[in-house]
Amino acid sequence: MEMNILKSSKDEIELEFESLTLVEILRVYLNKDSAVTFTAWKRNHPTEKPVLKVKAKGKIAIKAVDDAVSAISKDLDKLGAGFKKMK
């Protein structure tokens, strides 16, 4: 996964991703975080990469993104374990 940091401060971060799917999943998980006051993505044109903007209060914005990625990873591990049990 390739990610570029376009803008970064304590309370706000803008990240550019290769995958629209990953950006949407991150947006959903970030919206679950009470410290995140705003999260949305945009893509000016279908040929351009999506940009995710995150604003946080009471937590560093990059920490909120890191927490969301950890939660996604944990949920995927649980899902994988569930599939292994089905075999």
PDB file of N, CA and C in Angstrom:
ATOM      1  N   MET A   1       0.847  -1.169   0.000  1.00  0.00           N
ATOM      2  CA  MET A   1       0.000   0.000   0.000  1.00  0.00           C
ATOM      3  C   MET A   1       0.894   1.235   0.000  1.00  0.00           C
ATOM      4  N   GLU A   2       0.645   2.091  -0.936  1.00  0.00           N
ATOM      5  CA  GLU A   2       1.394   3.335  -1.009  1.00  0.00           C
ATOM      6  C   GLU A   2       0.537   4.470  -0.466  1.00  0.00           C
ATOM      7  N   MET A   3       1.147   5.307   0.381  1.00  0.00           N
ATOM      8  CA  MET A   3       0.465   6.433   0.980  1.00  0.00           C
ATOM      9  C   MET A   3       1.429   7.610   1.004  1.00  0.00           C
ATOM     10  N   ASN A   4       0.937   8.772   0.609  1.00  0.00           N
ATOM     11  CA  ASN A   4       1.751   9.986   0.645  1.00  0.00           C
ATOM     12  C   ASN A   4       1.102  10.987   1.595  1.00  0.00           C
ATOM     13  N   ILE A   5       1.899  11.571   2.456  1.00  0.00           N
ATOM     14  CA  ILE A   5       1.407  12.623   3.345  1.00  0.00           C
ATOM     15  C   ILE A   5       1.514  13.944   2.603  1.00  0.00           C
ATOM     16  N   LEU A   6       0.365  14.562   2.373  1.00  0.00           N
ATOM     17  CA  LEU A   6       0.330  15.836   1.655  1.00  0.00           C
ATOM     18  C   LEU A   6       0.428  17.025   2.605  1.00  0.00           C
ATOM     19  N   LYS A   7      -0.200  16.883   3.773  1.00  0.00           N
ATOM     20  CA  LYS A   7      -0.233  17.965   4.752  1.00  0.00           C
ATOM     21  C   LYS A   7      -0.333  17.318   6.125  1.00  0.00           C
ATOM     22  N   SER A   8       0.433  17.824   7.069  1.00  0.00           N
ATOM     23  CA  SER A   8       0.392  17.228   8.394  1.00  0.00           C
ATOM     24  C   SER A   8       0.634  18.277   9.472  1.00  0.00           C
ATOM     25  N   SER A   9      -0.246  18.285  10.446  1.00  0.00           N
ATOM     26  CA  SER A   9      -0.067  19.083  11.651  1.00  0.00           C
ATOM     27  C   SER A   9      -0.599  18.238  12.801  1.00  0.00           C
ATOM     28  N   LYS A  10      -0.562  18.776  13.994  1.00  0.00           N
ATOM     29  CA  LYS A  10      -1.000  18.007  15.162  1.00  0.00           C
ATOM     30  C   LYS A  10      -2.463  17.577  15.034  1.00  0.00           C
ATOM     31  N   ASP A  11      -3.320  18.502  14.636  1.00  0.00           N
ATOM     32  CA  ASP A  11      -4.758  18.242  14.630  1.00  0.00           C
ATOM     33  C   ASP A  11      -5.326  17.862  13.265  1.00  0.00           C
ATOM     34  N   GLU A  12      -4.533  17.924  12.213  1.00  0.00           N
ATOM     35  CA  GLU A  12      -5.060  17.693  10.866  1.00  0.00           C
ATOM     36  C   GLU A  12      -4.020  17.012   9.986  1.00  0.00           C
ATOM     37  N   ILE A  13      -4.511  16.119   9.129  1.00  0.00           N
ATOM     38  CA  ILE A  13      -3.618  15.437   8.196  1.00  0.00           C
ATOM     39  C   ILE A  13      -4.362  15.166   6.897  1.00  0.00           C
ATOM     40  N   GLU A  14      -3.643  15.250   5.786  1.00  0.00           N
ATOM     41  CA  GLU A  14      -4.174  14.885   4.476  1.00  0.00           C
ATOM     42  C   GLU A  14      -3.257  13.820   3.888  1.00  0.00           C
ATOM     43  N   LEU A  15      -3.860  12.708   3.498  1.00  0.00           N
ATOM     44  CA  LEU A  15      -3.116  11.573   2.974  1.00  0.00           C
ATOM     45  C   LEU A  15      -3.629  11.203   1.589  1.00  0.00           C
ATOM     46  N   GLU A  16      -2.718  10.871   0.696  1.00  0.00           N
ATOM     47  CA  GLU A  16      -3.073  10.435  -0.649  1.00  0.00           C
ATOM     48  C   GLU A  16      -2.809   8.932  -0.745  1.00  0.00           C
ATOM     49  N   PHE A  17      -3.795   8.183  -1.236  1.00  0.00           N
ATOM     50  CA  PHE A  17      -3.697   6.728  -1.333  1.00  0.00           C
ATOM     51  C   PHE A  17      -3.841   6.266  -2.769  1.00  0.00           C
ATOM     52  N   GLU A  18      -3.401   5.055  -3.016  1.00  0.00           N
ATOM     53  CA  GLU A  18      -3.576   4.414  -4.317  1.00  0.00           C
ATOM     54  C   GLU A  18      -4.993   3.867  -4.473  1.00  0.00           C
ATOM     55  N   SER A  19      -5.564   3.379  -3.379  1.00  0.00           N
ATOM     56  CA  SER A  19      -6.806   2.621  -3.428  1.00  0.00           C
ATOM     57  C   SER A  19      -7.989   3.391  -2.857  1.00  0.00           C
ATOM     58  N   LEU A  20      -9.026   3.509  -3.633  1.00  0.00           N
ATOM     59  CA  LEU A  20     -10.264   4.140  -3.177  1.00  0.00           C
ATOM     60  C   LEU A  20     -10.932   3.281  -2.114  1.00  0.00           C
ATOM     61  N   THR A  21     -10.811   1.974  -2.238  1.00  0.00           N
ATOM     62  CA  THR A  21     -11.405   1.058  -1.269  1.00  0.00           C
ATOM     63  C   THR A  21     -10.803   1.263   0.113  1.00  0.00           C
ATOM     64  N   LEU A  22      -9.500   1.348   0.183  1.00  0.00           N
ATOM     65  CA  LEU A  22      -8.834   1.543   1.470  1.00  0.00           C
ATOM     66  C   LEU A  22      -9.216   2.883   2.100  1.00  0.00           C
ATOM     67  N   VAL A  23      -9.316   3.904   1.299  1.00  0.00           N
ATOM     68  CA  VAL A  23      -9.695   5.231   1.817  1.00  0.00           C
ATOM     69  C   VAL A  23     -11.083   5.185   2.439  1.00  0.00           C
ATOM     70  N   GLU A  24     -12.007   4.502   1.796  1.00  0.00           N
ATOM     71  CA  GLU A  24     -13.378   4.425   2.320  1.00  0.00           C
ATOM     72  C   GLU A  24     -13.425   3.611   3.609  1.00  0.00           C
ATOM     73  N   ILE A  25     -12.687   2.511   3.672  1.00  0.00           N
ATOM     74  CA  ILE A  25     -12.650   1.722   4.900  1.00  0.00           C
ATOM     75  C   ILE A  25     -12.049   2.543   6.042  1.00  0.00           C
ATOM     76  N   LEU A  26     -10.973   3.256   5.770  1.00  0.00           N
ATOM     77  CA  LEU A  26     -10.372   4.120   6.794  1.00  0.00           C
ATOM     78  C   LEU A  26     -11.347   5.190   7.258  1.00  0.00           C
ATOM     79  N   ARG A  27     -12.075   5.778   6.340  1.00  0.00           N
ATOM     80  CA  ARG A  27     -13.056   6.810   6.702  1.00  0.00           C
ATOM     81  C   ARG A  27     -14.087   6.256   7.673  1.00  0.00           C
ATOM     82  N   VAL A  28     -14.587   5.062   7.392  1.00  0.00           N
ATOM     83  CA  VAL A  28     -15.590   4.438   8.255  1.00  0.00           C
ATOM     84  C   VAL A  28     -15.022   4.201   9.658  1.00  0.00           C
ATOM     85  N   TYR A  29     -13.830   3.647   9.741  1.00  0.00           N
ATOM     86  CA  TYR A  29     -13.219   3.377  11.046  1.00  0.00           C
ATOM     87  C   TYR A  29     -12.862   4.670  11.776  1.00  0.00           C
ATOM     88  N   LEU A  30     -12.406   5.676  11.068  1.00  0.00           N
ATOM     89  CA  LEU A  30     -12.086   6.949  11.706  1.00  0.00           C
ATOM     90  C   LEU A  30     -13.334   7.622  12.275  1.00  0.00           C
ATOM     91  N   ASN A  31     -14.459   7.457  11.608  1.00  0.00           N
ATOM     92  CA  ASN A  31     -15.711   8.044  12.111  1.00  0.00           C
ATOM     93  C   ASN A  31     -16.158   7.405  13.426  1.00  0.00           C
ATOM     94  N   LYS A  32     -15.656   6.231  13.757  1.00  0.00           N
ATOM     95  CA  LYS A  32     -15.979   5.575  15.023  1.00  0.00           C
ATOM     96  C   LYS A  32     -15.189   6.162  16.184  1.00  0.00           C
ATOM     97  N   ASP A  33     -14.122   6.883  15.901  1.00  0.00           N
ATOM     98  CA  ASP A  33     -13.241   7.462  16.918  1.00  0.00           C
ATOM     99  C   ASP A  33     -13.827   8.790  17.401  1.00  0.00           C
ATOM    100  N   SER A  34     -14.110   8.883  18.683  1.00  0.00           N
ATOM    101  CA  SER A  34     -14.725  10.101  19.226  1.00  0.00           C
ATOM    102  C   SER A  34     -13.787  11.307  19.173  1.00  0.00           C
ATOM    103  N   ALA A  35     -12.479  11.090  19.065  1.00  0.00           N
ATOM    104  CA  ALA A  35     -11.529  12.197  18.986  1.00  0.00           C
ATOM    105  C   ALA A  35     -11.464  12.793  17.579  1.00  0.00           C
ATOM    106  N   VAL A  36     -11.977  12.087  16.594  1.00  0.00           N
ATOM    107  CA  VAL A  36     -11.962  12.571  15.208  1.00  0.00           C
ATOM    108  C   VAL A  36     -13.192  13.450  15.002  1.00  0.00           C
ATOM    109  N   THR A  37     -12.948  14.711  14.648  1.00  0.00           N
ATOM    110  CA  THR A  37     -14.047  15.656  14.450  1.00  0.00           C
ATOM    111  C   THR A  37     -14.499  15.734  12.995  1.00  0.00           C
ATOM    112  N   PHE A  38     -13.627  15.344  12.071  1.00  0.00           N
ATOM    113  CA  PHE A  38     -13.969  15.374  10.649  1.00  0.00           C
ATOM    114  C   PHE A  38     -13.093  14.384   9.908  1.00  0.00           C
ATOM    115  N   THR A  39     -13.704  13.630   9.020  1.00  0.00           N
ATOM    116  CA  THR A  39     -12.950  12.777   8.113  1.00  0.00           C
ATOM    117  C   THR A  39     -13.751  12.605   6.828  1.00  0.00           C
ATOM    118  N   ALA A  40     -13.081  12.804   5.727  1.00  0.00           N
ATOM    119  CA  ALA A  40     -13.711  12.659   4.415  1.00  0.00           C
ATOM    120  C   ALA A  40     -12.622  12.489   3.371  1.00  0.00           C
ATOM    121  N   TRP A  41     -13.012  11.937   2.238  1.00  0.00           N
ATOM    122  CA  TRP A  41     -12.061  11.812   1.140  1.00  0.00           C
ATOM    123  C   TRP A  41     -12.636  12.498  -0.081  1.00  0.00           C
ATOM    124  N   LYS A  42     -11.733  12.875  -0.976  1.00  0.00           N
ATOM    125  CA  LYS A  42     -12.160  13.485  -2.232  1.00  0.00           C
ATOM    126  C   LYS A  42     -11.250  12.999  -3.349  1.00  0.00           C
ATOM    127  N   ARG A  43     -11.788  13.068  -4.524  1.00  0.00           N
ATOM    128  CA  ARG A  43     -11.013  12.753  -5.726  1.00  0.00           C
ATOM    129  C   ARG A  43     -11.538  13.691  -6.799  1.00  0.00           C
ATOM    130  N   ASN A  44     -10.700  14.584  -7.264  1.00  0.00           N
ATOM    131  CA  ASN A  44     -11.141  15.599  -8.215  1.00  0.00           C
ATOM    132  C   ASN A  44     -11.523  15.012  -9.567  1.00  0.00           C
ATOM    133  N   HIS A  45     -10.885  13.916  -9.934  1.00  0.00           N
ATOM    134  CA  HIS A  45     -11.145  13.278 -11.221  1.00  0.00           C
ATOM    135  C   HIS A  45     -10.874  11.782 -11.068  1.00  0.00           C
ATOM    136  N   PRO A  46     -11.629  10.923 -11.779  1.00  0.00           N
ATOM    137  CA  PRO A  46     -11.407   9.473 -11.632  1.00  0.00           C
ATOM    138  C   PRO A  46      -9.988   9.005 -11.941  1.00  0.00           C
ATOM    139  N   THR A  47      -9.225   9.782 -12.666  1.00  0.00           N
ATOM    140  CA  THR A  47      -7.845   9.388 -12.962  1.00  0.00           C
ATOM    141  C   THR A  47      -6.875   9.797 -11.854  1.00  0.00           C
ATOM    142  N   GLU A  48      -7.342  10.568 -10.884  1.00  0.00           N
ATOM    143  CA  GLU A  48      -6.494  11.024  -9.787  1.00  0.00           C
ATOM    144  C   GLU A  48      -6.658  10.134  -8.560  1.00  0.00           C
ATOM    145  N   LYS A  49      -5.670  10.158  -7.703  1.00  0.00           N
ATOM    146  CA  LYS A  49      -5.693   9.374  -6.477  1.00  0.00           C
ATOM    147  C   LYS A  49      -6.589  10.061  -5.443  1.00  0.00           C
ATOM    148  N   PRO A  50      -7.280   9.283  -4.606  1.00  0.00           N
ATOM    149  CA  PRO A  50      -8.113   9.887  -3.562  1.00  0.00           C
ATOM    150  C   PRO A  50      -7.262  10.458  -2.426  1.00  0.00           C
ATOM    151  N   VAL A  51      -7.770  11.522  -1.832  1.00  0.00           N
ATOM    152  CA  VAL A  51      -7.100  12.186  -0.714  1.00  0.00           C
ATOM    153  C   VAL A  51      -8.029  12.131   0.495  1.00  0.00           C
ATOM    154  N   LEU A  52      -7.505  11.634   1.604  1.00  0.00           N
ATOM    155  CA  LEU A  52      -8.253  11.533   2.853  1.00  0.00           C
ATOM    156  C   LEU A  52      -7.830  12.673   3.771  1.00  0.00           C
ATOM    157  N   LYS A  53      -8.817  13.398   4.294  1.00  0.00           N
ATOM    158  CA  LYS A  53      -8.548  14.489   5.226  1.00  0.00           C
ATOM    159  C   LYS A  53      -9.117  14.098   6.584  1.00  0.00           C
ATOM    160  N   VAL A  54      -8.297  14.258   7.619  1.00  0.00           N
ATOM    161  CA  VAL A  54      -8.696  13.894   8.975  1.00  0.00           C
ATOM    162  C   VAL A  54      -8.389  15.064   9.907  1.00  0.00           C
ATOM    163  N   LYS A  55      -9.393  15.434  10.705  1.00  0.00           N
ATOM    164  CA  LYS A  55      -9.204  16.439  11.753  1.00  0.00           C
ATOM    165  C   LYS A  55      -9.546  15.778  13.076  1.00  0.00           C
ATOM    166  N   ALA A  56      -8.723  16.037  14.080  1.00  0.00           N
ATOM    167  CA  ALA A  56      -8.925  15.433  15.398  1.00  0.00           C
ATOM    168  C   ALA A  56      -8.802  16.486  16.488  1.00  0.00           C
ATOM    169  N   LYS A  57      -9.432  16.196  17.608  1.00  0.00           N
ATOM    170  CA  LYS A  57      -9.343  17.081  18.766  1.00  0.00           C
ATOM    171  C   LYS A  57      -9.086  16.202  19.980  1.00  0.00           C
ATOM    172  N   GLY A  58      -8.021  16.474  20.684  1.00  0.00           N
ATOM    173  CA  GLY A  58      -7.667  15.675  21.851  1.00  0.00           C
ATOM    174  C   GLY A  58      -6.790  14.479  21.515  1.00  0.00           C
ATOM    175  N   LYS A  59      -6.462  14.318  20.246  1.00  0.00           N
ATOM    176  CA  LYS A  59      -5.598  13.224  19.801  1.00  0.00           C
ATOM    177  C   LYS A  59      -4.859  13.723  18.571  1.00  0.00           C
ATOM    178  N   ILE A  60      -3.622  13.331  18.419  1.00  0.00           N
ATOM    179  CA  ILE A  60      -2.861  13.704  17.227  1.00  0.00           C
ATOM    180  C   ILE A  60      -3.481  12.980  16.030  1.00  0.00           C
ATOM    181  N   ALA A  61      -3.662  13.693  14.937  1.00  0.00           N
ATOM    182  CA  ALA A  61      -4.367  13.158  13.769  1.00  0.00           C
ATOM    183  C   ALA A  61      -3.716  11.887  13.228  1.00  0.00           C
ATOM    184  N   ILE A  62      -2.398  11.858  13.148  1.00  0.00           N
ATOM    185  CA  ILE A  62      -1.728  10.664  12.623  1.00  0.00           C
ATOM    186  C   ILE A  62      -1.930   9.480  13.562  1.00  0.00           C
ATOM    187  N   LYS A  63      -2.056   9.733  14.860  1.00  0.00           N
ATOM    188  CA  LYS A  63      -2.344   8.672  15.831  1.00  0.00           C
ATOM    189  C   LYS A  63      -3.734   8.106  15.594  1.00  0.00           C
ATOM    190  N   ALA A  64      -4.693   8.959  15.258  1.00  0.00           N
ATOM    191  CA  ALA A  64      -6.053   8.492  14.951  1.00  0.00           C
ATOM    192  C   ALA A  64      -6.039   7.575  13.736  1.00  0.00           C
ATOM    193  N   VAL A  65      -5.256   7.943  12.717  1.00  0.00           N
ATOM    194  CA  VAL A  65      -5.143   7.102  11.515  1.00  0.00           C
ATOM    195  C   VAL A  65      -4.482   5.777  11.877  1.00  0.00           C
ATOM    196  N   ASP A  66      -3.427   5.841  12.665  1.00  0.00           N
ATOM    197  CA  ASP A  66      -2.729   4.625  13.095  1.00  0.00           C
ATOM    198  C   ASP A  66      -3.658   3.703  13.887  1.00  0.00           C
ATOM    199  N   ASP A  67      -4.468   4.273  14.768  1.00  0.00           N
ATOM    200  CA  ASP A  67      -5.425   3.485  15.548  1.00  0.00           C
ATOM    201  C   ASP A  67      -6.462   2.826  14.635  1.00  0.00           C
ATOM    202  N   ALA A  68      -6.910   3.553  13.622  1.00  0.00           N
ATOM    203  CA  ALA A  68      -7.890   3.002  12.682  1.00  0.00           C
ATOM    204  C   ALA A  68      -7.283   1.851  11.890  1.00  0.00           C
ATOM    205  N   VAL A  69      -6.048   2.001  11.451  1.00  0.00           N
ATOM    206  CA  VAL A  69      -5.372   0.927  10.710  1.00  0.00           C
ATOM    207  C   VAL A  69      -5.210  -0.296  11.608  1.00  0.00           C
ATOM    208  N   SER A  70      -4.877  -0.096  12.866  1.00  0.00           N
ATOM    209  CA  SER A  70      -4.750  -1.214  13.809  1.00  0.00           C
ATOM    210  C   SER A  70      -6.084  -1.925  14.013  1.00  0.00           C
ATOM    211  N   ALA A  71      -7.160  -1.161  14.119  1.00  0.00           N
ATOM    212  CA  ALA A  71      -8.492  -1.757  14.292  1.00  0.00           C
ATOM    213  C   ALA A  71      -8.898  -2.555  13.054  1.00  0.00           C
ATOM    214  N   ILE A  72      -8.588  -2.034  11.879  1.00  0.00           N
ATOM    215  CA  ILE A  72      -8.886  -2.749  10.638  1.00  0.00           C
ATOM    216  C   ILE A  72      -8.107  -4.056  10.589  1.00  0.00           C
ATOM    217  N   SER A  73      -6.841  -3.993  10.927  1.00  0.00           N
ATOM    218  CA  SER A  73      -5.984  -5.181  10.925  1.00  0.00           C
ATOM    219  C   SER A  73      -6.503  -6.234  11.898  1.00  0.00           C
ATOM    220  N   LYS A  74      -6.910  -5.795  13.082  1.00  0.00           N
ATOM    221  CA  LYS A  74      -7.441  -6.712  14.087  1.00  0.00           C
ATOM    222  C   LYS A  74      -8.720  -7.387  13.586  1.00  0.00           C
ATOM    223  N   ASP A  75      -9.607  -6.612  12.978  1.00  0.00           N
ATOM    224  CA  ASP A  75     -10.850  -7.171  12.449  1.00  0.00           C
ATOM    225  C   ASP A  75     -10.589  -8.153  11.309  1.00  0.00           C
ATOM    226  N   LEU A  76      -9.607  -7.852  10.465  1.00  0.00           N
ATOM    227  CA  LEU A  76      -9.260  -8.769   9.376  1.00  0.00           C
ATOM    228  C   LEU A  76      -8.665 -10.068   9.914  1.00  0.00           C
ATOM    229  N   ASP A  77      -7.868  -9.973  10.976  1.00  0.00           N
ATOM    230  CA  ASP A  77      -7.320 -11.180  11.605  1.00  0.00           C
ATOM    231  C   ASP A  77      -8.442 -12.056  12.160  1.00  0.00           C
ATOM    232  N   LYS A  78      -9.430 -11.437  12.803  1.00  0.00           N
ATOM    233  CA  LYS A  78     -10.576 -12.189  13.333  1.00  0.00           C
ATOM    234  C   LYS A  78     -11.337 -12.862  12.194  1.00  0.00           C
ATOM    235  N   LEU A  79     -11.529 -12.131  11.102  1.00  0.00           N
ATOM    236  CA  LEU A  79     -12.238 -12.692   9.952  1.00  0.00           C
ATOM    237  C   LEU A  79     -11.476 -13.869   9.366  1.00  0.00           C
ATOM    238  N   GLY A  80     -10.154 -13.725   9.246  1.00  0.00           N
ATOM    239  CA  GLY A  80      -9.321 -14.810   8.730  1.00  0.00           C
ATOM    240  C   GLY A  80      -9.377 -16.040   9.627  1.00  0.00           C
ATOM    241  N   ALA A  81      -9.366 -15.829  10.937  1.00  0.00           N
ATOM    242  CA  ALA A  81      -9.450 -16.936  11.889  1.00  0.00           C
ATOM    243  C   ALA A  81     -10.806 -17.641  11.763  1.00  0.00           C
ATOM    244  N   GLY A  82     -11.836 -16.882  11.537  1.00  0.00           N
ATOM    245  CA  GLY A  82     -13.170 -17.466  11.346  1.00  0.00           C
ATOM    246  C   GLY A  82     -13.225 -18.352  10.110  1.00  0.00           C
ATOM    247  N   PHE A  83     -12.578 -17.917   9.037  1.00  0.00           N
ATOM    248  CA  PHE A  83     -12.554 -18.728   7.819  1.00  0.00           C
ATOM    249  C   PHE A  83     -11.736 -20.006   8.016  1.00  0.00           C
ATOM    250  N   LYS A  84     -10.653 -19.922   8.781  1.00  0.00           N
ATOM    251  CA  LYS A  84      -9.831 -21.102   9.035  1.00  0.00           C
ATOM    252  C   LYS A  84     -10.602 -22.150   9.839  1.00  0.00           C
ATOM    253  N   LYS A  85     -11.469 -21.688  10.750  1.00  0.00           N
ATOM    254  CA  LYS A  85     -12.273 -22.610  11.535  1.00  0.00           C
ATOM    255  C   LYS A  85     -13.297 -23.342  10.677  1.00  0.00           C
ATOM    256  N   MET A  86     -13.697 -22.745   9.583  1.00  0.00           N
ATOM    257  CA  MET A  86     -14.708 -23.352   8.714  1.00  0.00           C
ATOM    258  C   MET A  86     -14.152 -24.529   7.920  1.00  0.00           C
ATOM    259  N   LYS A  87     -12.832 -24.630   7.783  1.00  0.00           N
ATOM    260  CA  LYS A  87     -12.223 -25.702   6.971  1.00  0.00           C
ATOM    261  C   LYS A  87     -12.386 -27.050   7.611  1.00  0.00           C
TER     262      LYS A  87
END
